[in-house]
Amino acid sequence: MASNKATKKDHAKAGDQAQAVVIAFGAEMKRRRLQMKDPRTNAPLSQLALAEAAGISVSYVSMAERAKRAVQWPIAFKLANALGTTPRELFFPAAIRV
């Protein structure tokens, strides 16, 4: 029974770590999006412009930025490409790497 409790704790810890990665990804994606300039308006890149560049929906971009949706690898590559970076930099920004 004790090992079963340890397993539940391990799963909870893994879930917390996964959620931390989702939150970091969304925050980094938003930070990079706002740093980019929309070539049409010279304003910070909008969620719509990023979604169009990545070929995904605006709601997906919004949910990813708010950590309401985990981003799968194929979409991560599309977003990273649209933001001029790599998925690694979005999932694990230099500021949080140890």
C-alpha atoms as a PDB file:
ATOM      1  CA  MET A   1       0.000   0.000   0.000  1.00  0.00           C
ATOM      2  CA  ALA A   2       2.863   2.405   0.765  1.00  0.00           C
ATOM      3  CA  SER A   3       4.266   2.054  -2.728  1.00  0.00           C
ATOM      4  CA  ASN A   4       0.825   2.873  -4.128  1.00  0.00           C
ATOM      5  CA  LYS A   5       0.813   6.183  -2.240  1.00  0.00           C
ATOM      6  CA  ALA A   6       4.312   6.956  -3.484  1.00  0.00           C
ATOM      7  CA  THR A   7       3.115   6.310  -7.012  1.00  0.00           C
ATOM      8  CA  LYS A   8       0.228   8.742  -6.572  1.00  0.00           C
ATOM      9  CA  LYS A   9       2.660  11.372  -5.254  1.00  0.00           C
ATOM     10  CA  ASP A  10       4.958  10.727  -8.208  1.00  0.00           C
ATOM     11  CA  HIS A  11       2.068  11.166 -10.619  1.00  0.00           C
ATOM     12  CA  ALA A  12       1.019  14.398  -8.912  1.00  0.00           C
ATOM     13  CA  LYS A  13       4.580  15.712  -9.088  1.00  0.00           C
ATOM     14  CA  ALA A  14       4.845  14.776 -12.771  1.00  0.00           C
ATOM     15  CA  GLY A  15       1.529  16.515 -13.406  1.00  0.00           C
ATOM     16  CA  ASP A  16       2.782  19.653 -11.647  1.00  0.00           C
ATOM     17  CA  GLN A  17       5.956  19.602 -13.735  1.00  0.00           C
ATOM     18  CA  ALA A  18       3.977  19.141 -16.943  1.00  0.00           C
ATOM     19  CA  GLN A  19       1.708  22.053 -16.034  1.00  0.00           C
ATOM     20  CA  ALA A  20       4.775  24.197 -15.323  1.00  0.00           C
ATOM     21  CA  VAL A  21       6.071  23.452 -18.824  1.00  0.00           C
ATOM     22  CA  VAL A  22       2.683  24.339 -20.352  1.00  0.00           C
ATOM     23  CA  ILE A  23       2.654  27.635 -18.437  1.00  0.00           C
ATOM     24  CA  ALA A  24       6.248  28.445 -19.417  1.00  0.00           C
ATOM     25  CA  PHE A  25       5.498  27.660 -23.070  1.00  0.00           C
ATOM     26  CA  GLY A  26       2.472  29.952 -23.142  1.00  0.00           C
ATOM     27  CA  ALA A  27       4.267  32.789 -21.406  1.00  0.00           C
ATOM     28  CA  GLU A  28       7.305  32.544 -23.675  1.00  0.00           C
ATOM     29  CA  MET A  29       5.137  32.323 -26.796  1.00  0.00           C
ATOM     30  CA  LYS A  30       3.229  35.453 -25.772  1.00  0.00           C
ATOM     31  CA  ARG A  31       6.426  37.311 -24.865  1.00  0.00           C
ATOM     32  CA  ARG A  32       7.976  36.541 -28.249  1.00  0.00           C
ATOM     33  CA  ARG A  33       4.758  37.348 -30.117  1.00  0.00           C
ATOM     34  CA  LEU A  34       4.575  40.768 -28.491  1.00  0.00           C
ATOM     35  CA  GLN A  35       8.237  41.454 -29.312  1.00  0.00           C
ATOM     36  CA  MET A  36       7.684  40.738 -33.008  1.00  0.00           C
ATOM     37  CA  LYS A  37       6.344  43.414 -35.309  1.00  0.00           C
ATOM     38  CA  ASP A  38       3.515  42.801 -37.732  1.00  0.00           C
ATOM     39  CA  PRO A  39       4.932  43.797 -41.111  1.00  0.00           C
ATOM     40  CA  ARG A  40       1.580  45.256 -42.163  1.00  0.00           C
ATOM     41  CA  THR A  41       1.093  47.537 -39.151  1.00  0.00           C
ATOM     42  CA  ASN A  42       4.493  47.688 -37.401  1.00  0.00           C
ATOM     43  CA  ALA A  43       2.572  46.941 -34.183  1.00  0.00           C
ATOM     44  CA  PRO A  44       3.226  43.955 -31.926  1.00  0.00           C
ATOM     45  CA  LEU A  45       2.184  40.729 -33.628  1.00  0.00           C
ATOM     46  CA  SER A  46      -1.433  39.886 -32.868  1.00  0.00           C
ATOM     47  CA  GLN A  47      -2.773  36.473 -31.993  1.00  0.00           C
ATOM     48  CA  LEU A  48      -4.552  36.509 -35.340  1.00  0.00           C
ATOM     49  CA  ALA A  49      -1.345  37.224 -37.260  1.00  0.00           C
ATOM     50  CA  LEU A  50       0.507  34.478 -35.370  1.00  0.00           C
ATOM     51  CA  ALA A  51      -2.330  32.021 -35.954  1.00  0.00           C
ATOM     52  CA  GLU A  52      -2.345  32.821 -39.667  1.00  0.00           C
ATOM     53  CA  ALA A  53       1.445  32.476 -39.910  1.00  0.00           C
ATOM     54  CA  ALA A  54       1.349  29.131 -38.094  1.00  0.00           C
ATOM     55  CA  GLY A  55      -1.738  27.851 -39.903  1.00  0.00           C
ATOM     56  CA  ILE A  56      -3.732  27.304 -36.712  1.00  0.00           C
ATOM     57  CA  SER A  57      -6.795  28.894 -35.121  1.00  0.00           C
ATOM     58  CA  VAL A  58      -6.738  32.064 -33.053  1.00  0.00           C
ATOM     59  CA  SER A  59      -8.483  30.225 -30.222  1.00  0.00           C
ATOM     60  CA  TYR A  60      -5.631  27.683 -30.146  1.00  0.00           C
ATOM     61  CA  VAL A  61      -3.068  30.506 -29.829  1.00  0.00           C
ATOM     62  CA  SER A  62      -5.127  32.154 -27.095  1.00  0.00           C
ATOM     63  CA  MET A  63      -5.581  28.935 -25.138  1.00  0.00           C
ATOM     64  CA  ALA A  64      -1.876  28.081 -25.444  1.00  0.00           C
ATOM     65  CA  GLU A  65      -0.831  31.519 -24.187  1.00  0.00           C
ATOM     66  CA  ARG A  66      -3.147  31.188 -21.192  1.00  0.00           C
ATOM     67  CA  ALA A  67      -1.919  27.617 -20.497  1.00  0.00           C
ATOM     68  CA  LYS A  68      -5.428  26.290 -21.060  1.00  0.00           C
ATOM     69  CA  ARG A  69      -4.193  23.910 -23.738  1.00  0.00           C
ATOM     70  CA  ALA A  70      -1.062  21.807 -23.966  1.00  0.00           C
ATOM     71  CA  VAL A  71       0.624  22.289 -27.322  1.00  0.00           C
ATOM     72  CA  GLN A  72       1.474  19.146 -29.268  1.00  0.00           C
ATOM     73  CA  TRP A  73       4.817  18.858 -31.071  1.00  0.00           C
ATOM     74  CA  PRO A  74       3.538  19.444 -34.639  1.00  0.00           C
ATOM     75  CA  ILE A  75       1.852  22.683 -33.542  1.00  0.00           C
ATOM     76  CA  ALA A  76       4.878  23.666 -31.442  1.00  0.00           C
ATOM     77  CA  PHE A  77       7.022  23.465 -34.581  1.00  0.00           C
ATOM     78  CA  LYS A  78       4.549  25.615 -36.533  1.00  0.00           C
ATOM     79  CA  LEU A  79       4.398  28.226 -33.765  1.00  0.00           C
ATOM     80  CA  ALA A  80       8.163  28.260 -33.298  1.00  0.00           C
ATOM     81  CA  ASN A  81       8.705  28.672 -37.029  1.00  0.00           C
ATOM     82  CA  ALA A  82       6.200  31.545 -37.155  1.00  0.00           C
ATOM     83  CA  LEU A  83       7.990  33.190 -34.201  1.00  0.00           C
ATOM     84  CA  GLY A  84      11.443  32.641 -35.683  1.00  0.00           C
ATOM     85  CA  THR A  85      12.634  30.318 -32.927  1.00  0.00           C
ATOM     86  CA  THR A  86      12.709  26.651 -31.948  1.00  0.00           C
ATOM     87  CA  PRO A  87      10.229  24.602 -29.937  1.00  0.00           C
ATOM     88  CA  ARG A  88      12.960  24.078 -27.328  1.00  0.00           C
ATOM     89  CA  GLU A  89      13.200  27.838 -26.780  1.00  0.00           C
ATOM     90  CA  LEU A  90       9.425  28.050 -26.344  1.00  0.00           C
ATOM     91  CA  PHE A  91       9.110  25.050 -24.023  1.00  0.00           C
ATOM     92  CA  PHE A  92      12.282  25.802 -22.071  1.00  0.00           C
ATOM     93  CA  PRO A  93      13.234  29.482 -22.333  1.00  0.00           C
ATOM     94  CA  ALA A  94      16.825  30.263 -21.381  1.00  0.00           C
ATOM     95  CA  ALA A  95      15.588  32.069 -18.282  1.00  0.00           C
ATOM     96  CA  ILE A  96      14.301  28.834 -16.701  1.00  0.00           C
ATOM     97  CA  ARG A  97      16.983  26.399 -17.899  1.00  0.00           C
ATOM     98  CA  VAL A  98      19.381  25.262 -15.225  1.00  0.00           C
END
